[in-house]
N, C-alpha and C. Protein backbone atom coordinates (compact mmCIF):
# COMPACT_ATOMS: atom_id res chain seq x y z
N VAL A 1 33.98 -121.70 11.55
CA VAL A 1 33.84 -121.20 10.21
C VAL A 1 34.88 -121.92 9.36
N SER A 2 34.46 -122.46 8.22
CA SER A 2 35.38 -123.15 7.31
C SER A 2 35.79 -122.24 6.18
N TYR A 3 37.04 -122.40 5.72
CA TYR A 3 37.50 -121.70 4.53
C TYR A 3 38.60 -122.53 3.89
N VAL A 4 38.87 -122.26 2.62
CA VAL A 4 39.93 -122.96 1.90
C VAL A 4 41.11 -122.02 1.80
N ASP A 5 42.27 -122.47 2.29
CA ASP A 5 43.46 -121.61 2.28
C ASP A 5 44.14 -121.62 0.92
N GLN A 6 45.28 -120.92 0.81
CA GLN A 6 45.97 -120.78 -0.47
C GLN A 6 46.51 -122.09 -1.01
N THR A 7 46.69 -123.09 -0.15
CA THR A 7 47.19 -124.38 -0.61
C THR A 7 46.07 -125.30 -1.04
N GLY A 8 44.82 -124.85 -0.88
CA GLY A 8 43.66 -125.66 -1.26
C GLY A 8 43.12 -126.52 -0.13
N GLU A 9 43.72 -126.41 1.05
CA GLU A 9 43.26 -127.20 2.19
C GLU A 9 42.16 -126.46 2.94
N THR A 10 41.17 -127.21 3.42
CA THR A 10 40.10 -126.63 4.21
C THR A 10 40.59 -126.41 5.63
N GLN A 11 40.39 -125.21 6.12
CA GLN A 11 40.79 -124.83 7.46
C GLN A 11 39.55 -124.46 8.27
N GLN A 12 39.64 -124.60 9.58
CA GLN A 12 38.57 -124.21 10.48
C GLN A 12 39.05 -123.02 11.31
N VAL A 13 38.22 -122.02 11.44
CA VAL A 13 38.53 -120.86 12.26
C VAL A 13 37.47 -120.75 13.34
N ASP A 14 37.92 -120.62 14.57
CA ASP A 14 37.01 -120.41 15.69
C ASP A 14 37.05 -118.94 16.05
N PRO A 15 35.99 -118.18 15.73
CA PRO A 15 36.00 -116.75 16.04
C PRO A 15 36.18 -116.46 17.53
N GLY A 16 35.92 -117.45 18.39
CA GLY A 16 36.08 -117.25 19.82
C GLY A 16 37.46 -117.63 20.33
N ALA A 17 38.34 -118.11 19.46
CA ALA A 17 39.67 -118.55 19.88
C ALA A 17 40.54 -117.37 20.28
N SER A 18 41.49 -117.62 21.16
CA SER A 18 42.41 -116.54 21.53
C SER A 18 43.20 -116.14 20.29
N GLY A 19 43.43 -114.86 20.15
CA GLY A 19 44.12 -114.36 18.97
C GLY A 19 43.19 -113.93 17.86
N ALA A 20 41.93 -114.34 17.91
CA ALA A 20 40.96 -113.90 16.90
C ALA A 20 40.64 -112.43 17.15
N ALA A 21 40.31 -111.73 16.08
CA ALA A 21 39.93 -110.32 16.23
C ALA A 21 38.78 -110.23 17.23
N PRO A 22 38.79 -109.26 18.14
CA PRO A 22 37.78 -109.20 19.19
C PRO A 22 36.35 -109.05 18.67
N TRP A 23 36.20 -108.56 17.45
CA TRP A 23 34.86 -108.37 16.89
C TRP A 23 34.46 -109.53 15.99
N SER A 24 35.33 -110.49 15.74
CA SER A 24 35.05 -111.51 14.72
C SER A 24 33.81 -112.34 15.03
N TRP A 25 33.57 -112.65 16.29
CA TRP A 25 32.38 -113.43 16.61
C TRP A 25 31.11 -112.68 16.26
N SER A 26 31.14 -111.36 16.37
CA SER A 26 29.92 -110.58 16.20
C SER A 26 29.47 -110.51 14.75
N ILE A 27 30.38 -110.77 13.82
CA ILE A 27 29.97 -110.76 12.42
C ILE A 27 29.02 -111.91 12.16
N TRP A 28 29.22 -112.99 12.88
CA TRP A 28 28.41 -114.18 12.65
C TRP A 28 27.23 -114.28 13.61
N GLN A 29 27.48 -114.05 14.90
CA GLN A 29 26.42 -114.23 15.88
C GLN A 29 26.77 -113.58 17.21
N ARG A 30 25.73 -113.38 18.01
CA ARG A 30 25.94 -112.90 19.37
C ARG A 30 26.37 -114.08 20.23
N PRO A 31 26.81 -113.82 21.46
CA PRO A 31 27.22 -114.93 22.33
C PRO A 31 26.10 -115.96 22.56
N ASP A 32 24.85 -115.51 22.47
CA ASP A 32 23.75 -116.46 22.67
C ASP A 32 23.41 -117.23 21.38
N GLY A 33 24.16 -116.97 20.30
CA GLY A 33 23.96 -117.71 19.06
C GLY A 33 23.06 -117.02 18.05
N ALA A 34 22.43 -115.92 18.45
CA ALA A 34 21.53 -115.22 17.53
C ALA A 34 22.34 -114.33 16.58
N PRO A 35 21.88 -114.13 15.34
CA PRO A 35 22.58 -113.23 14.41
C PRO A 35 22.65 -111.82 14.98
N ASP A 36 23.72 -111.12 14.69
CA ASP A 36 23.89 -109.76 15.19
C ASP A 36 24.24 -108.84 14.02
N ALA A 37 23.21 -108.43 13.30
CA ALA A 37 23.41 -107.60 12.11
C ALA A 37 23.97 -106.22 12.47
N ASN A 38 23.63 -105.70 13.63
CA ASN A 38 24.10 -104.36 13.99
C ASN A 38 25.61 -104.31 14.14
N THR A 39 26.20 -105.25 14.83
CA THR A 39 27.64 -105.24 15.00
C THR A 39 28.32 -105.54 13.67
N ALA A 40 27.76 -106.44 12.89
CA ALA A 40 28.32 -106.72 11.56
C ALA A 40 28.30 -105.45 10.72
N SER A 41 27.21 -104.73 10.80
CA SER A 41 27.09 -103.47 10.05
C SER A 41 28.13 -102.46 10.52
N ASN A 42 28.36 -102.40 11.82
CA ASN A 42 29.34 -101.46 12.36
C ASN A 42 30.75 -101.77 11.88
N MET A 43 31.05 -103.02 11.59
CA MET A 43 32.38 -103.40 11.13
C MET A 43 32.54 -103.21 9.63
N SER A 44 31.45 -102.93 8.92
CA SER A 44 31.50 -102.75 7.48
C SER A 44 32.08 -101.38 7.14
N ILE A 45 32.63 -101.28 5.95
CA ILE A 45 33.22 -100.04 5.48
C ILE A 45 32.16 -99.25 4.72
N SER A 46 32.12 -97.95 4.94
CA SER A 46 31.14 -97.10 4.25
C SER A 46 31.57 -96.83 2.82
N ASN A 47 30.59 -96.58 1.97
CA ASN A 47 30.87 -96.28 0.57
C ASN A 47 31.70 -95.01 0.48
N THR A 48 32.68 -95.01 -0.44
CA THR A 48 33.61 -93.89 -0.53
C THR A 48 33.36 -92.98 -1.72
N GLY A 49 32.36 -93.30 -2.54
CA GLY A 49 32.06 -92.47 -3.69
C GLY A 49 31.01 -93.11 -4.57
N PRO A 50 30.56 -92.39 -5.58
CA PRO A 50 29.54 -92.92 -6.49
C PRO A 50 30.04 -94.18 -7.20
N SER A 51 29.19 -95.16 -7.31
CA SER A 51 29.46 -96.41 -8.03
C SER A 51 30.62 -97.19 -7.43
N ASN A 52 30.96 -96.95 -6.18
CA ASN A 52 32.11 -97.61 -5.57
C ASN A 52 31.71 -98.72 -4.60
N CYS A 53 30.47 -99.16 -4.66
CA CYS A 53 30.01 -100.16 -3.70
C CYS A 53 30.72 -101.50 -3.87
N GLY A 54 31.16 -101.85 -5.07
CA GLY A 54 31.86 -103.12 -5.27
C GLY A 54 33.18 -103.16 -4.52
N GLU A 55 33.96 -102.10 -4.62
CA GLU A 55 35.24 -102.05 -3.91
C GLU A 55 35.02 -102.06 -2.41
N VAL A 56 34.02 -101.35 -1.95
CA VAL A 56 33.73 -101.29 -0.52
C VAL A 56 33.26 -102.66 -0.02
N ALA A 57 32.43 -103.35 -0.79
CA ALA A 57 31.98 -104.68 -0.40
C ALA A 57 33.16 -105.65 -0.34
N ALA A 58 34.07 -105.57 -1.31
CA ALA A 58 35.25 -106.43 -1.31
C ALA A 58 36.10 -106.15 -0.07
N ALA A 59 36.31 -104.89 0.25
CA ALA A 59 37.11 -104.52 1.42
C ALA A 59 36.43 -104.98 2.71
N SER A 60 35.11 -104.88 2.79
CA SER A 60 34.38 -105.35 3.97
C SER A 60 34.53 -106.85 4.15
N ALA A 61 34.46 -107.60 3.05
CA ALA A 61 34.62 -109.06 3.12
C ALA A 61 36.04 -109.43 3.55
N ILE A 62 37.03 -108.73 3.03
CA ILE A 62 38.43 -108.98 3.41
C ILE A 62 38.61 -108.70 4.90
N THR A 63 38.04 -107.60 5.36
CA THR A 63 38.13 -107.23 6.77
C THR A 63 37.44 -108.28 7.64
N ALA A 64 36.28 -108.77 7.20
CA ALA A 64 35.56 -109.79 7.95
C ALA A 64 36.37 -111.07 8.08
N LEU A 65 37.18 -111.36 7.08
CA LEU A 65 38.05 -112.55 7.14
C LEU A 65 39.28 -112.32 8.02
N GLY A 66 39.48 -111.08 8.45
CA GLY A 66 40.61 -110.76 9.31
C GLY A 66 41.90 -110.53 8.56
N ALA A 67 41.83 -110.43 7.23
CA ALA A 67 43.05 -110.28 6.43
C ALA A 67 43.53 -108.84 6.38
N GLY A 68 42.63 -107.88 6.36
CA GLY A 68 43.01 -106.48 6.26
C GLY A 68 43.38 -106.09 4.84
N CYS A 69 43.29 -104.83 4.57
CA CYS A 69 43.59 -104.30 3.24
C CYS A 69 44.96 -103.63 3.25
N VAL A 70 45.73 -103.86 2.18
CA VAL A 70 47.06 -103.26 2.07
C VAL A 70 47.03 -102.04 1.15
N VAL A 71 45.89 -101.78 0.53
CA VAL A 71 45.71 -100.65 -0.37
C VAL A 71 44.56 -99.80 0.16
N GLN A 72 44.67 -98.50 0.06
CA GLN A 72 43.63 -97.57 0.52
C GLN A 72 42.37 -97.72 -0.32
N ILE A 73 41.22 -97.79 0.32
CA ILE A 73 39.94 -97.86 -0.38
C ILE A 73 39.75 -96.57 -1.17
N GLY A 74 39.32 -96.68 -2.41
CA GLY A 74 39.11 -95.53 -3.26
C GLY A 74 40.30 -95.18 -4.13
N ASP A 75 41.39 -95.94 -3.99
CA ASP A 75 42.59 -95.69 -4.80
C ASP A 75 42.60 -96.51 -6.08
N GLY A 76 41.49 -97.14 -6.42
CA GLY A 76 41.39 -97.83 -7.70
C GLY A 76 41.77 -99.29 -7.69
N ALA A 77 41.80 -99.94 -6.52
CA ALA A 77 42.11 -101.37 -6.47
C ALA A 77 41.08 -102.17 -7.27
N VAL A 78 39.83 -101.73 -7.21
CA VAL A 78 38.77 -102.32 -8.03
C VAL A 78 38.39 -101.27 -9.07
N LYS A 79 38.52 -101.63 -10.34
CA LYS A 79 38.15 -100.68 -11.41
C LYS A 79 36.66 -100.39 -11.31
N VAL A 80 36.34 -99.12 -11.26
CA VAL A 80 34.95 -98.69 -11.11
C VAL A 80 34.55 -97.83 -12.30
N ASN A 81 33.42 -98.16 -12.90
CA ASN A 81 32.85 -97.34 -13.97
C ASN A 81 31.89 -96.36 -13.31
N SER A 82 32.34 -95.14 -13.13
CA SER A 82 31.52 -94.14 -12.44
C SER A 82 30.30 -93.76 -13.26
N ARG A 83 29.23 -93.49 -12.57
CA ARG A 83 28.00 -93.12 -13.26
C ARG A 83 28.00 -91.63 -13.60
N TYR A 84 27.23 -91.27 -14.60
CA TYR A 84 27.05 -89.89 -15.05
C TYR A 84 26.40 -89.08 -13.93
N GLN A 85 26.90 -87.87 -13.70
CA GLN A 85 26.39 -87.03 -12.62
C GLN A 85 25.65 -85.78 -13.12
N GLY A 86 25.47 -85.65 -14.43
CA GLY A 86 24.85 -84.45 -14.99
C GLY A 86 23.33 -84.46 -14.93
N PRO A 87 22.70 -83.42 -15.50
CA PRO A 87 21.25 -83.24 -15.41
C PRO A 87 20.44 -84.04 -16.44
N ASP A 88 21.06 -84.60 -17.48
CA ASP A 88 20.32 -85.29 -18.53
C ASP A 88 19.90 -86.69 -18.08
N LEU A 89 18.59 -86.92 -17.96
CA LEU A 89 18.06 -88.19 -17.47
C LEU A 89 18.44 -89.35 -18.37
N ALA A 90 18.36 -89.18 -19.68
CA ALA A 90 18.70 -90.26 -20.61
C ALA A 90 20.17 -90.67 -20.45
N GLU A 91 21.05 -89.70 -20.36
CA GLU A 91 22.48 -90.01 -20.17
C GLU A 91 22.71 -90.69 -18.82
N TYR A 92 22.00 -90.22 -17.81
CA TYR A 92 22.12 -90.82 -16.48
C TYR A 92 21.70 -92.28 -16.51
N LEU A 93 20.55 -92.57 -17.09
CA LEU A 93 20.05 -93.95 -17.13
C LEU A 93 20.96 -94.85 -17.96
N ALA A 94 21.47 -94.35 -19.05
CA ALA A 94 22.40 -95.13 -19.87
C ALA A 94 23.68 -95.42 -19.09
N ALA A 95 24.18 -94.44 -18.37
CA ALA A 95 25.40 -94.61 -17.59
C ALA A 95 25.19 -95.58 -16.43
N ARG A 96 24.00 -95.60 -15.85
CA ARG A 96 23.71 -96.52 -14.74
C ARG A 96 23.82 -97.97 -15.18
N SER A 97 23.55 -98.24 -16.45
CA SER A 97 23.58 -99.62 -16.92
C SER A 97 25.01 -100.18 -16.96
N VAL A 98 26.02 -99.33 -16.92
CA VAL A 98 27.41 -99.80 -16.93
C VAL A 98 28.18 -99.33 -15.69
N ALA A 99 27.51 -98.66 -14.75
CA ALA A 99 28.18 -98.17 -13.55
C ALA A 99 28.56 -99.33 -12.64
N GLY A 100 29.55 -99.10 -11.83
CA GLY A 100 29.98 -100.12 -10.88
C GLY A 100 31.14 -100.93 -11.43
N CYS A 101 31.14 -102.24 -11.15
CA CYS A 101 32.23 -103.09 -11.60
C CYS A 101 31.71 -104.48 -11.94
N THR A 102 32.50 -105.21 -12.68
CA THR A 102 32.14 -106.57 -13.08
C THR A 102 32.67 -107.57 -12.05
N ALA A 103 32.23 -108.81 -12.16
CA ALA A 103 32.73 -109.87 -11.28
C ALA A 103 34.24 -110.03 -11.44
N ALA A 104 34.71 -109.98 -12.68
CA ALA A 104 36.16 -110.11 -12.93
C ALA A 104 36.94 -108.97 -12.27
N GLN A 105 36.38 -107.76 -12.31
CA GLN A 105 37.05 -106.63 -11.67
C GLN A 105 37.07 -106.78 -10.15
N LEU A 106 35.99 -107.33 -9.59
CA LEU A 106 35.95 -107.58 -8.15
C LEU A 106 37.00 -108.61 -7.74
N ILE A 107 37.09 -109.70 -8.51
CA ILE A 107 38.05 -110.76 -8.20
C ILE A 107 39.47 -110.20 -8.22
N GLU A 108 39.80 -109.46 -9.25
CA GLU A 108 41.13 -108.86 -9.35
C GLU A 108 41.37 -107.88 -8.20
N GLY A 109 40.34 -107.09 -7.88
CA GLY A 109 40.46 -106.10 -6.81
C GLY A 109 40.65 -106.71 -5.44
N VAL A 110 40.01 -107.85 -5.17
CA VAL A 110 40.18 -108.51 -3.88
C VAL A 110 41.65 -108.90 -3.70
N GLY A 111 42.26 -109.43 -4.76
CA GLY A 111 43.69 -109.77 -4.68
C GLY A 111 44.55 -108.55 -4.43
N THR A 112 44.23 -107.46 -5.11
CA THR A 112 44.99 -106.22 -4.94
C THR A 112 44.80 -105.64 -3.54
N LEU A 113 43.54 -105.55 -3.10
CA LEU A 113 43.25 -104.98 -1.79
C LEU A 113 43.90 -105.77 -0.66
N SER A 114 43.92 -107.10 -0.79
CA SER A 114 44.43 -107.94 0.29
C SER A 114 45.91 -108.26 0.13
N GLY A 115 46.54 -107.76 -0.90
CA GLY A 115 47.94 -108.08 -1.14
C GLY A 115 48.14 -109.55 -1.45
N GLY A 116 47.11 -110.17 -2.02
CA GLY A 116 47.19 -111.59 -2.38
C GLY A 116 46.81 -112.54 -1.26
N ALA A 117 46.46 -112.01 -0.08
CA ALA A 117 46.12 -112.87 1.05
C ALA A 117 44.76 -113.54 0.91
N VAL A 118 43.86 -112.93 0.10
CA VAL A 118 42.52 -113.46 -0.09
C VAL A 118 42.30 -113.70 -1.57
N GLU A 119 41.75 -114.86 -1.91
CA GLU A 119 41.42 -115.18 -3.30
C GLU A 119 39.90 -115.22 -3.44
N ALA A 120 39.39 -114.48 -4.40
CA ALA A 120 37.94 -114.42 -4.61
C ALA A 120 37.53 -115.35 -5.74
N LYS A 121 36.33 -115.91 -5.62
CA LYS A 121 35.76 -116.75 -6.68
C LYS A 121 34.26 -116.48 -6.74
N PHE A 122 33.71 -116.53 -7.93
CA PHE A 122 32.27 -116.44 -8.11
C PHE A 122 31.78 -117.80 -8.58
N PHE A 123 30.66 -118.25 -8.05
CA PHE A 123 30.10 -119.55 -8.44
C PHE A 123 28.76 -119.36 -9.10
C-alpha cells in the first residue's frame, strides 16, 4: 500500500510485515487475495449519533491507516450540523439539507482526531 508521508515522500507499507496491526491485511484482502468486506466492516467504528457519520468515517479511515485517534469520537473533533429531530416534516427536510459536515470540516477533524498524524485532502 502506498501513501505520502508528512515530508511529502511516498512510502510503501506492507500490511503483512512484522509490526503491522494484526488486522491490517484484512482491510484490503484475505490471505488468498480476495476482498474481505466483513473484516473491514468489523474494524469500522459505529455511528455515535445523528448526523455524525462524517466524524465516524474520518475515525475509521485513521484507524485503517494504523494511526489511531487521540480524541474521543463524538467530542466534536469534526463539527457536525445535527439534523432536526421534531415532528414537523418541512423543518426536518430543511434541516437534512445542512446536516452532517463539509469537506473542510472533515479535513480539519482528521487532523484533530489523529493529533496531526494524518493529513486529509479532497480531490
